[in-house]
Amino acid sequence: MTLLGSFAVASLLLSSLFIGASLNVVRCDDRASLIYGVDIWQSEYETQLCVNVTDQIEYQFSQISDYDWIQNHFADQYADMPGDLPYCEDYEDFATVFYKGHAMICFEGGPWKNYLIYSEAGSWYYPLAWDFEVGGTTKFYFEFFWACMCGNEYGSWTQYYGFPANWFSSDEAPNNKCFLGFNWVSKNFEEYTGYSSYEYADFAEAFYTYLTQGYSVYDSLYQAAVDTLGSMNHELFTGYYAYLYDEQWWSYLTWYGDSTVTVT
């Protein structure tokens, strides 16, 4: 696979050299921002942070005149990600997606090796979306799934497994699209980053603040990390052990594709 764009420690230590690098700007007149998430299987405080962050993301995109369709479906029991995609394909030139919630891979009882993200129903029988349901889209240039396992993918000649490969409809990412996700266990918004009194919700909010001001995905990660993590030489990128299904998993936030993409 050549999609994986995870942060190597050496490149992290040299990250400041890349700030201000050339940006991959997609010129469009009509843009959409789709926001999803669930409030199940988490604390009330985590849910409140999710509400705060998704509302802030919605507000930031609303300040960009080209965004004529902004949908915030956090904790919406009627949310339908696959149902929203055709509108973007038909009427928008550029679209972006954020999801905060939970995901799983189905080894039994579902399509082999395919991933899903949960809806408010909290059942793999009624997911918000399977990975294969987002395949074939052409107008989606940036996705950020803050959920476990969404930064994983497999590919074959006949089937793409995982959300990154399906968004790109390829196991080779094009040079103008980017996907952000966790390879295994994601951080909770309510967890402290270890820098000052910041929580990971602060990192997510800072990332979108920079992103909607015209920074690239990479530069937004860098600036948000400096503000809320201290630097990019932080376990969010370099890796940490976390428990899932009674096992420890080496986890980190990673990207696939082109991190010079902008959303403005």
Protein backbone atom coordinates (compact mmCIF):
# COMPACT_ATOMS: atom_id res chain seq x y z
CA MET A 1 0.00 0.00 0.00
CA THR A 2 1.20 3.51 -0.71
CA LEU A 3 -1.67 5.45 0.78
CA LEU A 4 -0.29 5.52 4.29
CA GLY A 5 1.06 8.92 5.29
CA SER A 6 1.80 8.32 8.95
CA PHE A 7 4.21 10.60 10.71
CA ALA A 8 7.69 9.20 11.11
CA VAL A 9 9.51 10.51 14.16
CA ALA A 10 12.36 11.94 12.12
CA SER A 11 10.01 13.92 9.91
CA LEU A 12 8.17 15.18 12.97
CA LEU A 13 11.33 16.68 14.38
CA LEU A 14 11.88 18.45 11.06
CA SER A 15 8.23 19.43 10.60
CA SER A 16 8.82 23.16 10.91
CA LEU A 17 10.70 23.03 7.60
CA PHE A 18 7.48 22.25 5.77
CA ILE A 19 5.29 25.06 7.07
CA GLY A 20 4.39 27.37 4.26
CA ALA A 21 5.06 24.72 1.62
CA SER A 22 3.07 24.90 -1.59
CA LEU A 23 -0.63 24.21 -1.13
CA ASN A 24 -2.86 22.03 -3.23
CA VAL A 25 -5.82 24.34 -3.74
CA VAL A 26 -8.92 23.09 -5.54
CA ARG A 27 -10.74 26.02 -7.12
CA CYS A 28 -14.50 25.62 -6.65
CA ASP A 29 -17.57 27.81 -6.34
CA ASP A 30 -19.97 25.43 -4.57
CA ARG A 31 -18.81 23.54 -1.50
CA ALA A 32 -20.35 21.32 1.16
CA SER A 33 -19.37 20.43 4.73
CA LEU A 34 -20.94 17.32 6.26
CA ILE A 35 -20.60 16.73 10.00
CA TYR A 36 -21.67 13.54 11.78
CA GLY A 37 -21.26 11.93 15.18
CA VAL A 38 -22.92 9.90 17.92
CA ASP A 39 -23.44 10.37 21.65
CA ILE A 40 -23.53 6.67 22.58
CA TRP A 41 -21.04 4.71 24.73
CA GLN A 42 -19.42 7.78 26.26
CA SER A 43 -19.66 10.13 29.23
CA GLU A 44 -21.94 13.15 29.35
CA TYR A 45 -18.88 15.35 29.38
CA GLU A 46 -17.49 13.68 26.27
CA THR A 47 -20.83 14.26 24.56
CA GLN A 48 -20.82 17.93 25.53
CA LEU A 49 -17.32 18.33 24.10
CA CYS A 50 -18.49 16.64 20.91
CA VAL A 51 -21.38 19.09 20.66
CA ASN A 52 -19.02 22.02 21.23
CA VAL A 53 -16.52 20.87 18.61
CA THR A 54 -19.06 19.96 15.92
CA ASP A 55 -20.92 23.24 16.46
CA GLN A 56 -17.64 25.12 16.13
CA ILE A 57 -16.76 23.25 12.93
CA GLU A 58 -20.18 24.12 11.53
CA TYR A 59 -19.67 27.77 12.46
CA GLN A 60 -16.18 27.94 10.94
CA PHE A 61 -17.42 26.61 7.60
CA SER A 62 -20.40 28.96 7.67
CA GLN A 63 -17.95 31.87 7.58
CA ILE A 64 -16.67 30.75 4.17
CA SER A 65 -18.99 32.08 1.46
CA ASP A 66 -18.40 29.20 -0.97
CA TYR A 67 -19.93 26.70 1.47
CA ASP A 68 -23.59 26.69 0.47
CA TRP A 69 -24.53 23.33 2.03
CA ILE A 70 -23.46 22.69 5.63
CA GLN A 71 -25.05 19.78 7.47
CA ASN A 72 -24.40 19.11 11.17
CA HIS A 73 -25.88 15.72 12.04
CA PHE A 74 -24.23 15.10 15.39
CA ALA A 75 -26.45 12.82 17.53
CA ASP A 76 -29.08 12.87 14.77
CA GLN A 77 -30.95 9.55 14.74
CA TYR A 78 -32.04 10.26 11.16
CA ALA A 79 -28.53 10.97 9.85
CA ASP A 80 -27.85 9.25 6.55
CA MET A 81 -24.31 9.67 5.26
CA PRO A 82 -24.75 7.52 2.11
CA GLY A 83 -27.96 9.42 1.39
CA ASP A 84 -26.18 12.78 1.58
CA LEU A 85 -23.38 11.89 -0.82
CA PRO A 86 -25.41 11.98 -4.07
CA TYR A 87 -26.47 15.58 -3.40
CA CYS A 88 -22.83 16.60 -3.17
CA GLU A 89 -22.00 14.64 -6.29
CA ASP A 90 -24.83 16.33 -8.23
CA TYR A 91 -24.72 19.90 -6.94
CA GLU A 92 -21.37 20.62 -5.28
CA ASP A 93 -17.85 21.01 -6.63
CA PHE A 94 -16.05 20.18 -3.39
CA ALA A 95 -17.10 18.43 -0.17
CA THR A 96 -15.56 17.56 3.18
CA VAL A 97 -16.66 15.24 6.00
CA PHE A 98 -16.04 15.08 9.74
CA TYR A 99 -17.19 12.16 11.92
CA LYS A 100 -16.78 11.71 15.68
CA GLY A 101 -17.87 8.39 17.09
CA HIS A 102 -17.16 4.68 16.94
CA ALA A 103 -16.20 2.19 14.28
CA MET A 104 -15.56 -1.51 13.90
CA ILE A 105 -14.34 -4.10 11.42
CA CYS A 106 -16.58 -7.06 10.71
CA PHE A 107 -14.80 -10.39 10.68
CA GLU A 108 -18.04 -12.24 11.37
CA GLY A 109 -21.65 -11.43 10.63
CA GLY A 110 -20.88 -8.81 8.00
CA PRO A 111 -18.87 -8.23 4.85
CA TRP A 112 -15.40 -9.67 5.34
CA LYS A 113 -12.82 -7.07 6.39
CA ASN A 114 -15.13 -4.14 5.71
CA TYR A 115 -15.38 -1.30 8.22
CA LEU A 116 -18.42 0.56 9.47
CA ILE A 117 -19.07 3.69 11.52
CA TYR A 118 -21.87 3.62 14.04
CA SER A 119 -25.10 5.58 14.00
CA GLU A 120 -27.19 6.49 17.02
CA ALA A 121 -28.74 3.02 16.84
CA GLY A 122 -25.51 1.56 18.20
CA SER A 123 -25.79 -1.61 16.12
CA TRP A 124 -23.83 -2.89 13.15
CA TYR A 125 -27.21 -3.84 11.68
CA TYR A 126 -27.95 -0.10 11.32
CA PRO A 127 -24.63 1.67 10.77
CA LEU A 128 -24.26 5.26 9.71
CA ALA A 129 -22.19 3.96 6.81
CA TRP A 130 -20.18 0.99 5.59
CA ASP A 131 -16.87 1.80 3.93
CA PHE A 132 -18.07 0.45 0.58
CA GLU A 133 -21.07 2.80 0.66
CA VAL A 134 -18.83 5.84 0.21
CA GLY A 135 -16.95 4.40 -2.75
CA GLY A 136 -17.17 5.97 -6.17
CA THR A 137 -17.50 9.55 -4.97
CA THR A 138 -15.60 12.24 -6.86
CA LYS A 139 -16.40 15.49 -5.03
CA PHE A 140 -14.99 14.64 -1.59
CA TYR A 141 -11.49 16.03 -1.07
CA PHE A 142 -11.00 15.84 2.69
CA GLU A 143 -12.37 13.51 5.40
CA PHE A 144 -11.52 13.35 9.10
CA PHE A 145 -12.91 10.38 11.02
CA TRP A 146 -12.21 10.70 14.75
CA ALA A 147 -13.03 7.08 15.58
CA CYS A 148 -11.21 3.83 16.20
CA MET A 149 -9.75 1.91 13.26
CA CYS A 150 -10.81 4.37 10.56
CA GLY A 151 -7.19 4.92 9.54
CA ASN A 152 -6.85 1.32 8.41
CA GLU A 153 -7.37 -0.02 4.95
CA TYR A 154 -6.80 -3.04 2.78
CA GLY A 155 -6.92 -3.26 -0.99
CA SER A 156 -7.31 -5.85 -3.69
CA TRP A 157 -7.96 -5.87 -7.39
CA THR A 158 -11.69 -6.32 -6.86
CA GLN A 159 -12.52 -4.73 -3.49
CA TYR A 160 -11.33 -1.81 -1.40
CA TYR A 161 -11.47 -2.29 2.36
CA GLY A 162 -11.53 0.61 4.81
CA PHE A 163 -12.69 4.19 4.53
CA PRO A 164 -9.57 5.79 3.01
CA ALA A 165 -9.36 3.43 0.06
CA ASN A 166 -13.11 3.67 -0.57
CA TRP A 167 -13.22 7.47 -0.47
CA PHE A 168 -10.44 7.46 -3.02
CA SER A 169 -11.87 4.43 -4.88
CA SER A 170 -8.26 3.30 -5.05
CA ASP A 171 -5.44 2.04 -2.91
CA GLU A 172 -3.37 4.81 -4.52
CA ALA A 173 -4.42 8.23 -3.22
CA PRO A 174 -4.72 11.03 -5.78
CA ASN A 175 -2.57 14.07 -5.21
CA ASN A 176 -5.46 16.39 -4.30
CA LYS A 177 -7.37 14.38 -1.68
CA CYS A 178 -6.68 13.56 1.96
CA PHE A 179 -8.12 11.36 4.71
CA LEU A 180 -7.30 11.68 8.41
CA GLY A 181 -8.01 8.90 10.89
CA PHE A 182 -6.70 6.73 13.72
CA ASN A 183 -5.10 3.43 12.81
CA TRP A 184 -6.53 1.67 15.89
CA VAL A 185 -7.78 3.29 19.10
CA SER A 186 -8.75 6.95 18.95
CA LYS A 187 -8.32 9.41 21.79
CA ASN A 188 -11.39 10.63 23.68
CA PHE A 189 -12.04 14.34 23.45
CA GLU A 190 -12.11 14.54 27.25
CA GLU A 191 -8.58 13.17 27.67
CA TYR A 192 -5.87 15.66 28.55
CA THR A 193 -3.11 16.07 25.99
CA GLY A 194 -0.44 16.48 28.67
CA TYR A 195 0.31 20.03 27.55
CA SER A 196 -0.97 22.76 29.87
CA SER A 197 -4.65 21.98 30.58
CA TYR A 198 -5.68 21.21 27.00
CA GLU A 199 -7.93 18.31 26.05
CA TYR A 200 -8.05 16.58 22.69
CA ALA A 201 -11.25 18.46 21.96
CA ASP A 202 -9.11 21.61 21.98
CA PHE A 203 -6.79 20.04 19.42
CA ALA A 204 -9.69 19.13 17.11
CA GLU A 205 -11.17 22.60 17.38
CA ALA A 206 -7.82 24.29 16.78
CA PHE A 207 -7.19 22.08 13.75
CA TYR A 208 -10.44 23.15 12.10
CA THR A 209 -9.86 26.79 13.01
CA TYR A 210 -6.62 26.79 11.05
CA LEU A 211 -8.02 24.61 8.27
CA THR A 212 -10.92 26.97 7.60
CA GLN A 213 -8.53 29.92 7.57
CA GLY A 214 -6.79 28.52 4.51
CA TYR A 215 -4.02 26.41 6.03
CA SER A 216 -3.30 23.02 4.46
CA VAL A 217 -4.18 19.82 6.32
CA TYR A 218 -0.55 19.35 7.35
CA ASP A 219 -0.02 22.96 8.40
CA SER A 220 -3.28 22.88 10.38
CA LEU A 221 -2.09 19.75 12.18
CA TYR A 222 1.23 21.40 12.90
CA GLN A 223 -0.24 24.64 14.23
CA ALA A 224 -2.92 22.87 16.31
CA ALA A 225 -0.23 20.58 17.74
CA VAL A 226 1.98 23.51 18.74
CA ASP A 227 -1.00 25.22 20.40
CA THR A 228 -2.50 22.25 22.29
CA LEU A 229 0.09 19.44 22.36
CA GLY A 230 3.30 21.44 22.63
CA SER A 231 4.65 20.09 19.33
CA MET A 232 4.10 17.38 16.75
CA ASN A 233 6.60 15.20 18.60
CA HIS A 234 3.66 13.97 20.66
CA GLU A 235 2.12 10.55 21.19
CA LEU A 236 -0.94 11.51 19.16
CA PHE A 237 1.36 11.21 16.13
CA THR A 238 4.31 9.15 17.36
CA GLY A 239 2.10 6.46 18.93
CA TYR A 240 0.62 5.21 22.19
CA TYR A 241 -0.73 1.96 23.61
CA ALA A 242 -4.46 1.83 24.24
CA TYR A 243 -6.86 -0.94 25.24
CA LEU A 244 -9.59 -2.19 22.93
CA TYR A 245 -11.40 -5.54 23.26
CA ASP A 246 -9.15 -6.38 26.25
CA GLU A 247 -6.02 -6.05 24.14
CA GLN A 248 -3.39 -3.36 23.79
CA TRP A 249 -3.10 -1.69 20.41
CA TRP A 250 -0.34 0.61 19.15
CA SER A 251 -2.31 3.61 17.96
CA TYR A 252 -1.78 7.01 16.37
CA LEU A 253 -3.41 9.61 14.16
CA THR A 254 -2.37 9.29 10.53
CA TRP A 255 -3.22 10.61 7.10
CA TYR A 256 -3.68 9.04 3.69
CA GLY A 257 -3.14 10.95 0.51
CA ASP A 258 -2.11 14.56 0.03
CA SER A 259 -1.65 16.59 3.21
CA THR A 260 -1.16 19.84 1.27
CA VAL A 261 -4.90 19.91 0.48
CA THR A 262 -6.84 22.99 1.61
CA VAL A 263 -10.60 23.35 2.05
CA THR A 264 -10.94 27.05 1.19
